[in-house]
Amino acid sequence: MEETVLIVMGSHRQAGYSGKTVAYLEALLNEHAIRTVVVDVNGLKIDHCIDCGYCSKNKGQCVFTDDMDEIYKLLKDINHMVVVSPVYFNGIGSRLKTLVDRCQMIFMSEFAFKTPYPKCINQALKGGYLISFGGANAYENQFIGNEATIGLLMRNLKMPLKSHLKYAGTDHWEKERLPDAVTEDIQAIVKHILKR
């Protein structure tokens, strides 16, 4: 299977720091001949999880048929995932949260049927990364919601969270470019993926 990195763009604003980060990361990975798949939450049509219990009775299935079908396939096969998200009220944005909520089926595959949803890939070869942007100046627990939510998703994907890059005070950054510190951190993620 070809090495693939799934990049999830979780911001409602495509031209903000999350969007710029996704574009830079994708270009850098492609330069190293690493295949990328970018999922932009803004382009998805996903119904909200309604806790209907369907996935607890039907292994690996959801009652809805929508854009999550393709996401489920990606999440089954990937070795690496990078989620990029702003902080909204100490958590991820609503569109990204809808995607995460629909991963209840992934949790239920193991909880109800004792079978992990992802393919059996050695966890040592897998890696999850989270990049969070907070507009406010730094404060205690500013990024805890993002890490708790995305960390739980990655745990259900049997994908260790390798790092969580956290950037506060982005409302005061220069709007046209990513700071050097961010691009350097992204380069470090790429090096880590290449070394695996």
N, C-alpha and C. Protein backbone atom coordinates (compact mmCIF):
# COMPACT_ATOMS: atom_id res chain seq x y z
N MET A 1 0.85 -1.20 0.00
CA MET A 1 0.00 0.00 0.00
C MET A 1 0.88 1.24 0.00
N GLU A 2 0.52 2.20 -0.83
CA GLU A 2 1.28 3.45 -0.92
C GLU A 2 1.14 4.25 0.37
N GLU A 3 2.28 4.80 0.80
CA GLU A 3 2.28 5.65 2.00
C GLU A 3 1.42 6.89 1.76
N THR A 4 0.49 7.13 2.66
CA THR A 4 -0.41 8.27 2.52
C THR A 4 -0.51 9.02 3.84
N VAL A 5 -0.48 10.33 3.75
CA VAL A 5 -0.73 11.17 4.92
C VAL A 5 -2.06 11.88 4.71
N LEU A 6 -2.98 11.66 5.64
CA LEU A 6 -4.26 12.36 5.60
C LEU A 6 -4.12 13.66 6.36
N ILE A 7 -4.46 14.77 5.71
CA ILE A 7 -4.42 16.09 6.33
C ILE A 7 -5.85 16.60 6.43
N VAL A 8 -6.28 16.90 7.64
CA VAL A 8 -7.64 17.39 7.85
C VAL A 8 -7.58 18.87 8.16
N MET A 9 -8.19 19.67 7.28
CA MET A 9 -8.26 21.11 7.48
C MET A 9 -9.56 21.42 8.23
N GLY A 10 -9.43 21.78 9.52
CA GLY A 10 -10.60 21.87 10.38
C GLY A 10 -11.12 23.26 10.63
N SER A 11 -10.64 24.24 9.89
CA SER A 11 -11.09 25.62 10.11
C SER A 11 -12.24 25.97 9.18
N HIS A 12 -13.14 26.83 9.65
CA HIS A 12 -14.21 27.34 8.80
C HIS A 12 -13.68 28.36 7.80
N ARG A 13 -12.49 28.90 8.07
CA ARG A 13 -11.91 29.94 7.20
C ARG A 13 -10.75 29.34 6.42
N GLN A 14 -10.94 29.19 5.13
CA GLN A 14 -9.95 28.49 4.32
C GLN A 14 -8.67 29.29 4.11
N ALA A 15 -8.74 30.62 4.24
CA ALA A 15 -7.57 31.45 3.96
C ALA A 15 -6.82 31.86 5.23
N GLY A 16 -7.20 31.31 6.38
CA GLY A 16 -6.54 31.65 7.64
C GLY A 16 -5.28 30.83 7.87
N TYR A 17 -4.80 30.84 9.10
CA TYR A 17 -3.55 30.14 9.42
C TYR A 17 -3.67 28.64 9.25
N SER A 18 -4.83 28.08 9.55
CA SER A 18 -5.01 26.64 9.35
C SER A 18 -4.89 26.29 7.87
N GLY A 19 -5.55 27.06 7.01
CA GLY A 19 -5.47 26.82 5.58
C GLY A 19 -4.07 26.97 5.03
N LYS A 20 -3.36 28.01 5.48
CA LYS A 20 -1.98 28.22 5.05
C LYS A 20 -1.08 27.07 5.50
N THR A 21 -1.33 26.59 6.71
CA THR A 21 -0.53 25.48 7.25
C THR A 21 -0.76 24.21 6.44
N VAL A 22 -2.01 23.93 6.12
CA VAL A 22 -2.33 22.74 5.32
C VAL A 22 -1.64 22.82 3.97
N ALA A 23 -1.71 23.96 3.32
CA ALA A 23 -1.09 24.13 1.99
C ALA A 23 0.42 23.93 2.07
N TYR A 24 1.05 24.50 3.09
CA TYR A 24 2.51 24.37 3.24
C TYR A 24 2.89 22.92 3.52
N LEU A 25 2.15 22.27 4.42
CA LEU A 25 2.44 20.88 4.77
C LEU A 25 2.27 19.97 3.57
N GLU A 26 1.18 20.16 2.84
CA GLU A 26 0.94 19.32 1.67
C GLU A 26 2.06 19.47 0.64
N ALA A 27 2.46 20.71 0.36
CA ALA A 27 3.52 20.95 -0.62
C ALA A 27 4.84 20.31 -0.18
N LEU A 28 5.14 20.42 1.11
CA LEU A 28 6.39 19.87 1.63
C LEU A 28 6.41 18.34 1.54
N LEU A 29 5.30 17.71 1.88
CA LEU A 29 5.22 16.25 1.78
C LEU A 29 5.31 15.79 0.33
N ASN A 30 4.63 16.51 -0.56
CA ASN A 30 4.68 16.14 -1.97
C ASN A 30 6.09 16.29 -2.55
N GLU A 31 6.84 17.27 -2.06
CA GLU A 31 8.24 17.43 -2.49
C GLU A 31 9.06 16.19 -2.17
N HIS A 32 8.67 15.49 -1.11
CA HIS A 32 9.38 14.28 -0.68
C HIS A 32 8.68 13.01 -1.19
N ALA A 33 7.82 13.17 -2.21
CA ALA A 33 7.13 12.05 -2.86
C ALA A 33 6.23 11.28 -1.90
N ILE A 34 5.70 11.98 -0.90
CA ILE A 34 4.72 11.39 0.00
C ILE A 34 3.33 11.79 -0.49
N ARG A 35 2.48 10.80 -0.73
CA ARG A 35 1.12 11.07 -1.18
C ARG A 35 0.31 11.69 -0.04
N THR A 36 -0.45 12.71 -0.38
CA THR A 36 -1.31 13.36 0.62
C THR A 36 -2.75 13.33 0.15
N VAL A 37 -3.65 13.26 1.11
CA VAL A 37 -5.07 13.46 0.85
C VAL A 37 -5.52 14.54 1.82
N VAL A 38 -6.02 15.64 1.28
CA VAL A 38 -6.49 16.75 2.11
C VAL A 38 -8.01 16.69 2.20
N VAL A 39 -8.50 16.67 3.42
CA VAL A 39 -9.94 16.74 3.67
C VAL A 39 -10.23 18.10 4.28
N ASP A 40 -10.99 18.91 3.57
CA ASP A 40 -11.37 20.25 4.03
C ASP A 40 -12.81 20.17 4.53
N VAL A 41 -13.00 20.43 5.81
CA VAL A 41 -14.35 20.29 6.39
C VAL A 41 -15.37 21.19 5.71
N ASN A 42 -14.91 22.25 5.07
CA ASN A 42 -15.83 23.18 4.42
C ASN A 42 -16.51 22.59 3.20
N GLY A 43 -15.90 21.58 2.61
CA GLY A 43 -16.46 20.99 1.39
C GLY A 43 -17.24 19.71 1.63
N LEU A 44 -17.43 19.33 2.88
CA LEU A 44 -18.09 18.06 3.19
C LEU A 44 -19.57 18.24 3.48
N LYS A 45 -20.34 17.27 3.05
CA LYS A 45 -21.75 17.20 3.43
C LYS A 45 -21.89 16.00 4.36
N ILE A 46 -21.96 16.28 5.66
CA ILE A 46 -21.99 15.24 6.68
C ILE A 46 -23.16 15.49 7.62
N ASP A 47 -23.99 14.49 7.78
CA ASP A 47 -25.07 14.58 8.76
C ASP A 47 -24.50 14.48 10.17
N HIS A 48 -25.20 15.05 11.12
CA HIS A 48 -24.80 14.96 12.52
C HIS A 48 -25.09 13.58 13.07
N CYS A 49 -24.19 13.08 13.90
CA CYS A 49 -24.47 11.84 14.62
C CYS A 49 -25.70 12.06 15.50
N ILE A 50 -26.65 11.12 15.45
CA ILE A 50 -27.88 11.25 16.23
C ILE A 50 -27.96 10.19 17.34
N ASP A 51 -26.83 9.51 17.59
CA ASP A 51 -26.79 8.49 18.64
C ASP A 51 -27.95 7.50 18.51
N CYS A 52 -28.16 7.01 17.28
CA CYS A 52 -29.29 6.12 17.02
C CYS A 52 -29.01 4.67 17.40
N GLY A 53 -27.72 4.34 17.61
CA GLY A 53 -27.36 2.97 17.98
C GLY A 53 -27.17 2.03 16.82
N TYR A 54 -27.33 2.51 15.58
CA TYR A 54 -27.19 1.64 14.41
C TYR A 54 -25.81 0.99 14.35
N CYS A 55 -24.76 1.77 14.63
CA CYS A 55 -23.40 1.24 14.55
C CYS A 55 -23.09 0.25 15.66
N SER A 56 -23.89 0.24 16.71
CA SER A 56 -23.68 -0.73 17.79
C SER A 56 -24.30 -2.08 17.45
N LYS A 57 -25.11 -2.12 16.40
CA LYS A 57 -25.75 -3.37 15.97
C LYS A 57 -25.28 -3.82 14.59
N ASN A 58 -24.61 -2.92 13.87
CA ASN A 58 -24.13 -3.21 12.51
C ASN A 58 -22.66 -2.84 12.43
N LYS A 59 -21.82 -3.84 12.53
CA LYS A 59 -20.37 -3.62 12.64
C LYS A 59 -19.82 -2.82 11.45
N GLY A 60 -19.13 -1.72 11.78
CA GLY A 60 -18.46 -0.92 10.77
C GLY A 60 -19.39 -0.18 9.84
N GLN A 61 -20.61 0.07 10.27
CA GLN A 61 -21.58 0.76 9.42
C GLN A 61 -22.25 1.90 10.18
N CYS A 62 -22.64 2.92 9.41
CA CYS A 62 -23.38 4.05 9.96
C CYS A 62 -24.73 4.11 9.25
N VAL A 63 -25.73 4.60 9.92
CA VAL A 63 -27.07 4.69 9.34
C VAL A 63 -27.12 5.68 8.18
N PHE A 64 -26.21 6.66 8.17
CA PHE A 64 -26.20 7.67 7.12
C PHE A 64 -25.28 7.28 5.97
N THR A 65 -25.64 7.70 4.78
CA THR A 65 -24.78 7.58 3.60
C THR A 65 -24.50 9.00 3.11
N ASP A 66 -23.26 9.44 3.28
CA ASP A 66 -22.89 10.81 2.90
C ASP A 66 -21.38 10.86 2.71
N ASP A 67 -20.80 12.04 2.78
CA ASP A 67 -19.36 12.18 2.53
C ASP A 67 -18.50 11.46 3.57
N MET A 68 -19.07 11.08 4.70
CA MET A 68 -18.29 10.32 5.68
C MET A 68 -17.89 8.95 5.15
N ASP A 69 -18.60 8.42 4.16
CA ASP A 69 -18.26 7.10 3.63
C ASP A 69 -16.81 7.09 3.13
N GLU A 70 -16.43 8.16 2.44
CA GLU A 70 -15.05 8.25 1.93
C GLU A 70 -14.07 8.47 3.08
N ILE A 71 -14.46 9.25 4.07
CA ILE A 71 -13.59 9.49 5.23
C ILE A 71 -13.35 8.17 5.97
N TYR A 72 -14.39 7.38 6.14
CA TYR A 72 -14.23 6.08 6.81
C TYR A 72 -13.19 5.22 6.10
N LYS A 73 -13.23 5.19 4.77
CA LYS A 73 -12.26 4.40 4.01
C LYS A 73 -10.84 4.90 4.26
N LEU A 74 -10.67 6.22 4.23
CA LEU A 74 -9.35 6.80 4.47
C LEU A 74 -8.84 6.45 5.87
N LEU A 75 -9.72 6.56 6.87
CA LEU A 75 -9.30 6.32 8.25
C LEU A 75 -8.96 4.86 8.51
N LYS A 76 -9.48 3.98 7.71
CA LYS A 76 -9.16 2.56 7.87
C LYS A 76 -7.74 2.24 7.41
N ASP A 77 -7.26 2.98 6.39
CA ASP A 77 -6.02 2.60 5.71
C ASP A 77 -4.78 3.42 6.04
N ILE A 78 -4.94 4.61 6.60
CA ILE A 78 -3.79 5.52 6.70
C ILE A 78 -2.82 5.15 7.81
N ASN A 79 -1.57 5.56 7.61
CA ASN A 79 -0.54 5.45 8.64
C ASN A 79 -0.38 6.74 9.42
N HIS A 80 -0.62 7.87 8.75
CA HIS A 80 -0.37 9.17 9.36
C HIS A 80 -1.55 10.10 9.12
N MET A 81 -1.85 10.89 10.14
CA MET A 81 -2.90 11.90 10.02
C MET A 81 -2.45 13.17 10.72
N VAL A 82 -2.68 14.30 10.06
CA VAL A 82 -2.40 15.60 10.65
C VAL A 82 -3.72 16.38 10.66
N VAL A 83 -4.14 16.80 11.84
CA VAL A 83 -5.36 17.59 11.98
C VAL A 83 -4.94 19.02 12.31
N VAL A 84 -5.44 19.98 11.54
CA VAL A 84 -5.12 21.39 11.75
C VAL A 84 -6.43 22.11 12.09
N SER A 85 -6.43 22.80 13.24
CA SER A 85 -7.69 23.39 13.70
C SER A 85 -7.45 24.65 14.51
N PRO A 86 -8.36 25.62 14.38
CA PRO A 86 -8.35 26.73 15.33
C PRO A 86 -8.96 26.29 16.65
N VAL A 87 -8.93 27.18 17.62
CA VAL A 87 -9.60 26.95 18.91
C VAL A 87 -10.85 27.83 18.93
N TYR A 88 -12.00 27.19 19.08
CA TYR A 88 -13.27 27.91 19.24
C TYR A 88 -13.83 27.53 20.60
N PHE A 89 -13.97 28.50 21.51
CA PHE A 89 -14.50 28.22 22.84
C PHE A 89 -13.79 27.02 23.48
N ASN A 90 -12.46 27.05 23.42
CA ASN A 90 -11.61 26.01 24.00
C ASN A 90 -11.79 24.64 23.36
N GLY A 91 -12.25 24.60 22.13
CA GLY A 91 -12.40 23.32 21.44
C GLY A 91 -12.31 23.49 19.94
N ILE A 92 -12.48 22.39 19.22
CA ILE A 92 -12.45 22.43 17.77
C ILE A 92 -13.74 23.04 17.24
N GLY A 93 -13.70 23.48 15.99
CA GLY A 93 -14.87 24.09 15.37
C GLY A 93 -15.98 23.09 15.09
N SER A 94 -17.17 23.60 14.81
CA SER A 94 -18.36 22.74 14.71
C SER A 94 -18.31 21.78 13.53
N ARG A 95 -17.76 22.19 12.41
CA ARG A 95 -17.72 21.28 11.25
C ARG A 95 -16.77 20.12 11.51
N LEU A 96 -15.63 20.42 12.10
CA LEU A 96 -14.70 19.34 12.45
C LEU A 96 -15.29 18.45 13.53
N LYS A 97 -16.00 19.05 14.48
CA LYS A 97 -16.63 18.26 15.55
C LYS A 97 -17.69 17.32 14.98
N THR A 98 -18.42 17.74 13.96
CA THR A 98 -19.39 16.86 13.32
C THR A 98 -18.70 15.64 12.72
N LEU A 99 -17.56 15.86 12.06
CA LEU A 99 -16.79 14.75 11.51
C LEU A 99 -16.35 13.81 12.62
N VAL A 100 -15.82 14.37 13.69
CA VAL A 100 -15.35 13.54 14.81
C VAL A 100 -16.50 12.77 15.44
N ASP A 101 -17.64 13.42 15.63
CA ASP A 101 -18.79 12.74 16.23
C ASP A 101 -19.23 11.54 15.40
N ARG A 102 -19.13 11.66 14.08
CA ARG A 102 -19.53 10.56 13.22
C ARG A 102 -18.53 9.40 13.28
N CYS A 103 -17.43 9.59 13.95
CA CYS A 103 -16.47 8.50 14.18
C CYS A 103 -16.88 7.63 15.36
N GLN A 104 -18.07 7.87 15.89
CA GLN A 104 -18.64 6.98 16.91
C GLN A 104 -18.66 5.55 16.39
N MET A 105 -18.91 5.38 15.09
CA MET A 105 -18.92 4.05 14.49
C MET A 105 -17.57 3.36 14.66
N ILE A 106 -16.48 4.13 14.57
CA ILE A 106 -15.14 3.57 14.73
C ILE A 106 -14.94 3.09 16.16
N PHE A 107 -15.37 3.92 17.12
CA PHE A 107 -15.31 3.51 18.52
C PHE A 107 -16.15 2.27 18.76
N MET A 108 -17.35 2.23 18.20
CA MET A 108 -18.28 1.14 18.46
C MET A 108 -17.81 -0.18 17.85
N SER A 109 -17.02 -0.10 16.77
CA SER A 109 -16.49 -1.33 16.17
C SER A 109 -15.71 -2.15 17.20
N GLU A 110 -14.93 -1.44 18.00
CA GLU A 110 -14.15 -2.16 19.02
C GLU A 110 -14.95 -2.38 20.29
N PHE A 111 -15.73 -1.39 20.71
CA PHE A 111 -16.46 -1.49 21.97
C PHE A 111 -17.53 -2.59 21.91
N ALA A 112 -18.30 -2.61 20.82
CA ALA A 112 -19.41 -3.57 20.73
C ALA A 112 -19.01 -4.89 20.09
N PHE A 113 -18.06 -4.83 19.16
CA PHE A 113 -17.73 -6.03 18.38
C PHE A 113 -16.33 -6.56 18.64
N LYS A 114 -15.56 -5.87 19.52
CA LYS A 114 -14.21 -6.31 19.90
C LYS A 114 -13.27 -6.43 18.70
N THR A 115 -13.52 -5.60 17.69
CA THR A 115 -12.67 -5.60 16.50
C THR A 115 -12.31 -4.16 16.16
N PRO A 116 -11.04 -3.78 16.28
CA PRO A 116 -10.67 -2.41 15.90
C PRO A 116 -11.04 -2.13 14.45
N TYR A 117 -11.47 -0.91 14.18
CA TYR A 117 -11.87 -0.53 12.83
C TYR A 117 -10.68 -0.40 11.87
N PRO A 118 -9.57 0.23 12.28
CA PRO A 118 -8.46 0.40 11.33
C PRO A 118 -7.84 -0.95 10.96
N LYS A 119 -7.23 -0.99 9.78
CA LYS A 119 -6.49 -2.18 9.38
C LYS A 119 -5.35 -2.40 10.36
N CYS A 120 -4.89 -3.63 10.45
CA CYS A 120 -3.84 -3.97 11.42
C CYS A 120 -2.49 -3.44 10.93
N ILE A 121 -2.20 -2.22 11.27
CA ILE A 121 -0.91 -1.63 10.96
C ILE A 121 -0.17 -1.47 12.28
N ASN A 122 1.08 -1.85 12.29
CA ASN A 122 1.91 -1.73 13.49
C ASN A 122 1.85 -0.29 14.01
N GLN A 123 1.43 -0.13 15.26
CA GLN A 123 1.29 1.23 15.81
C GLN A 123 2.61 1.99 15.81
N ALA A 124 3.72 1.29 15.84
CA ALA A 124 5.02 1.95 15.80
C ALA A 124 5.24 2.66 14.46
N LEU A 125 4.50 2.23 13.43
CA LEU A 125 4.62 2.83 12.10
C LEU A 125 3.58 3.92 11.86
N LYS A 126 2.72 4.15 12.85
CA LYS A 126 1.65 5.13 12.69
C LYS A 126 1.96 6.39 13.49
N GLY A 127 1.36 7.48 13.06
CA GLY A 127 1.58 8.72 13.81
C GLY A 127 0.49 9.74 13.56
N GLY A 128 -0.01 10.31 14.63
CA GLY A 128 -0.99 11.37 14.54
C GLY A 128 -0.40 12.69 15.03
N TYR A 129 -0.79 13.76 14.39
CA TYR A 129 -0.27 15.08 14.72
C TYR A 129 -1.43 16.07 14.76
N LEU A 130 -1.36 16.98 15.71
CA LEU A 130 -2.40 18.00 15.86
C LEU A 130 -1.73 19.37 15.89
N ILE A 131 -2.26 20.29 15.10
CA ILE A 131 -1.76 21.66 15.06
C ILE A 131 -2.93 22.58 15.39
N SER A 132 -2.80 23.35 16.47
CA SER A 132 -3.90 24.19 16.95
C SER A 132 -3.49 25.66 16.97
N PHE A 133 -4.42 26.52 16.52
CA PHE A 133 -4.20 27.96 16.52
C PHE A 133 -5.24 28.63 17.41
N GLY A 134 -4.76 29.36 18.41
CA GLY A 134 -5.65 30.11 19.29
C GLY A 134 -5.47 31.60 19.06
N GLY A 135 -6.54 32.29 18.75
CA GLY A 135 -6.45 33.73 18.48
C GLY A 135 -6.10 34.54 19.71
N ALA A 136 -6.60 34.12 20.87
CA ALA A 136 -6.34 34.87 22.11
C ALA A 136 -4.91 34.66 22.58
N ASN A 137 -4.41 35.59 23.36
CA ASN A 137 -3.11 35.40 24.00
C ASN A 137 -3.17 34.16 24.89
N ALA A 138 -2.03 33.57 25.16
CA ALA A 138 -1.96 32.30 25.87
C ALA A 138 -2.63 32.38 27.24
N TYR A 139 -3.38 31.34 27.57
CA TYR A 139 -3.97 31.21 28.91
C TYR A 139 -4.03 29.72 29.26
N GLU A 140 -4.23 29.44 30.52
CA GLU A 140 -4.22 28.06 31.00
C GLU A 140 -5.30 27.24 30.30
N ASN A 141 -4.93 26.04 29.89
CA ASN A 141 -5.85 25.08 29.27
C ASN A 141 -6.46 25.56 27.95
N GLN A 142 -5.79 26.48 27.29
CA GLN A 142 -6.30 27.03 26.04
C GLN A 142 -6.52 25.95 24.97
N PHE A 143 -5.68 24.93 24.98
CA PHE A 143 -5.72 23.93 23.90
C PHE A 143 -6.19 22.56 24.37
N ILE A 144 -6.65 22.48 25.59
CA ILE A 144 -6.98 21.18 26.17
C ILE A 144 -8.16 20.51 25.47
N GLY A 145 -9.13 21.32 25.01
CA GLY A 145 -10.28 20.75 24.32
C GLY A 145 -9.90 20.12 22.99
N ASN A 146 -9.06 20.80 22.23
CA ASN A 146 -8.61 20.25 20.95
C ASN A 146 -7.89 18.92 21.16
N GLU A 147 -6.99 18.91 22.14
CA GLU A 147 -6.19 17.69 22.35
C GLU A 147 -7.04 16.54 22.87
N ALA A 148 -7.98 16.84 23.76
CA ALA A 148 -8.83 15.77 24.30
C ALA A 148 -9.67 15.14 23.20
N THR A 149 -10.26 15.96 22.34
CA THR A 149 -11.15 15.45 21.30
C THR A 149 -10.39 14.72 20.21
N ILE A 150 -9.36 15.36 19.66
CA ILE A 150 -8.61 14.73 18.57
C ILE A 150 -7.77 13.57 19.11
N GLY A 151 -7.27 13.71 20.32
CA GLY A 151 -6.51 12.62 20.93
C GLY A 151 -7.34 11.36 21.08
N LEU A 152 -8.62 11.51 21.45
CA LEU A 152 -9.51 10.35 21.59
C LEU A 152 -9.77 9.72 20.23
N LEU A 153 -9.98 10.55 19.21
CA LEU A 153 -10.16 10.02 17.86
C LEU A 153 -8.95 9.19 17.44
N MET A 154 -7.77 9.73 17.66
CA MET A 154 -6.56 9.02 17.25
C MET A 154 -6.37 7.73 18.05
N ARG A 155 -6.75 7.75 19.30
CA ARG A 155 -6.66 6.53 20.11
C ARG A 155 -7.56 5.44 19.52
N ASN A 156 -8.74 5.81 19.07
CA ASN A 156 -9.64 4.84 18.46
C ASN A 156 -9.13 4.37 17.10
N LEU A 157 -8.29 5.17 16.47
CA LEU A 157 -7.67 4.77 15.20
C LEU A 157 -6.38 3.99 15.43
N LYS A 158 -6.06 3.71 16.70
CA LYS A 158 -4.81 3.00 17.05
C LYS A 158 -3.61 3.77 16.51
N MET A 159 -3.69 5.09 16.62
CA MET A 159 -2.67 5.97 16.07
C MET A 159 -2.15 6.88 17.18
N PRO A 160 -0.94 6.64 17.66
CA PRO A 160 -0.42 7.47 18.75
C PRO A 160 -0.31 8.94 18.35
N LEU A 161 -0.73 9.82 19.25
CA LEU A 161 -0.57 11.26 19.03
C LEU A 161 0.88 11.61 19.30
N LYS A 162 1.64 11.84 18.23
CA LYS A 162 3.08 12.08 18.35
C LYS A 162 3.39 13.48 18.85
N SER A 163 2.63 14.46 18.39
CA SER A 163 2.87 15.82 18.87
C SER A 163 1.65 16.70 18.65
N HIS A 164 1.55 17.72 19.50
CA HIS A 164 0.49 18.72 19.39
C HIS A 164 1.17 20.08 19.39
N LEU A 165 1.19 20.72 18.24
CA LEU A 165 1.76 22.05 18.12
C LEU A 165 0.69 23.07 18.48
N LYS A 166 1.03 23.98 19.40
CA LYS A 166 0.05 24.93 19.92
C LYS A 166 0.57 26.35 19.72
N TYR A 167 -0.25 27.17 19.08
CA TYR A 167 0.14 28.56 18.81
C TYR A 167 -0.93 29.50 19.34
N ALA A 168 -0.57 30.33 20.30
CA ALA A 168 -1.50 31.30 20.89
C ALA A 168 -1.25 32.69 20.32
N GLY A 169 -2.21 33.57 20.50
CA GLY A 169 -2.05 34.97 20.12
C GLY A 169 -2.05 35.22 18.63
N THR A 170 -2.68 34.34 17.85
CA THR A 170 -2.61 34.47 16.40
C THR A 170 -3.40 35.68 15.87
N ASP A 171 -4.29 36.24 16.69
CA ASP A 171 -5.00 37.45 16.27
C ASP A 171 -4.04 38.62 16.06
N HIS A 172 -2.84 38.52 16.62
CA HIS A 172 -1.85 39.60 16.54
C HIS A 172 -0.73 39.29 15.54
N TRP A 173 -0.85 38.18 14.84
CA TRP A 173 0.18 37.82 13.86
C TRP A 173 -0.02 38.59 12.56
N GLU A 174 1.06 38.66 11.79
CA GLU A 174 0.98 39.20 10.43
C GLU A 174 0.10 38.27 9.60
N LYS A 175 -0.89 38.81 8.92
CA LYS A 175 -1.91 37.98 8.27
C LYS A 175 -1.44 37.28 7.00
N GLU A 176 -0.43 37.79 6.35
CA GLU A 176 -0.09 37.31 5.01
C GLU A 176 0.78 36.05 4.98
N ARG A 177 1.40 35.72 6.10
CA ARG A 177 2.34 34.59 6.05
C ARG A 177 2.38 33.86 7.38
N LEU A 178 2.84 32.61 7.29
CA LEU A 178 3.08 31.83 8.51
C LEU A 178 4.40 32.27 9.13
N PRO A 179 4.46 32.42 10.44
CA PRO A 179 5.74 32.74 11.08
C PRO A 179 6.76 31.63 10.87
N ASP A 180 8.03 32.00 10.91
CA ASP A 180 9.10 31.02 10.71
C ASP A 180 9.01 29.88 11.72
N ALA A 181 8.60 30.18 12.94
CA ALA A 181 8.50 29.13 13.97
C ALA A 181 7.51 28.05 13.55
N VAL A 182 6.43 28.44 12.89
CA VAL A 182 5.43 27.47 12.44
C VAL A 182 5.98 26.63 11.30
N THR A 183 6.59 27.28 10.32
CA THR A 183 7.12 26.51 9.19
C THR A 183 8.23 25.56 9.64
N GLU A 184 9.03 25.97 10.60
CA GLU A 184 10.08 25.09 11.12
C GLU A 184 9.48 23.89 11.84
N ASP A 185 8.41 24.11 12.59
CA ASP A 185 7.74 23.00 13.28
C ASP A 185 7.12 22.03 12.28
N ILE A 186 6.56 22.56 11.20
CA ILE A 186 5.97 21.70 10.17
C ILE A 186 7.06 20.88 9.49
N GLN A 187 8.19 21.50 9.24
CA GLN A 187 9.32 20.77 8.66
C GLN A 187 9.75 19.62 9.57
N ALA A 188 9.68 19.83 10.88
CA ALA A 188 10.03 18.78 11.84
C ALA A 188 9.04 17.62 11.76
N ILE A 189 7.76 17.92 11.59
CA ILE A 189 6.75 16.86 11.43
C ILE A 189 7.06 16.03 10.19
N VAL A 190 7.37 16.70 9.08
CA VAL A 190 7.67 16.00 7.83
C VAL A 190 8.89 15.10 8.02
N LYS A 191 9.91 15.58 8.68
CA LYS A 191 11.11 14.77 8.94
C LYS A 191 10.75 13.53 9.77
N HIS A 192 9.87 13.71 10.74
CA HIS A 192 9.45 12.59 11.58
C HIS A 192 8.70 11.55 10.75
N ILE A 193 7.83 12.00 9.87
CA ILE A 193 7.09 11.09 9.01
C ILE A 193 8.05 10.34 8.08
N LEU A 194 9.02 11.04 7.54
CA LEU A 194 9.98 10.42 6.63
C LEU A 194 10.87 9.39 7.32
N LYS A 195 11.13 9.57 8.60
CA LYS A 195 12.02 8.68 9.36
C LYS A 195 11.34 7.40 9.80
N ARG A 196 10.05 7.37 9.85
CA ARG A 196 9.29 6.31 10.52
C ARG A 196 9.79 4.88 10.27
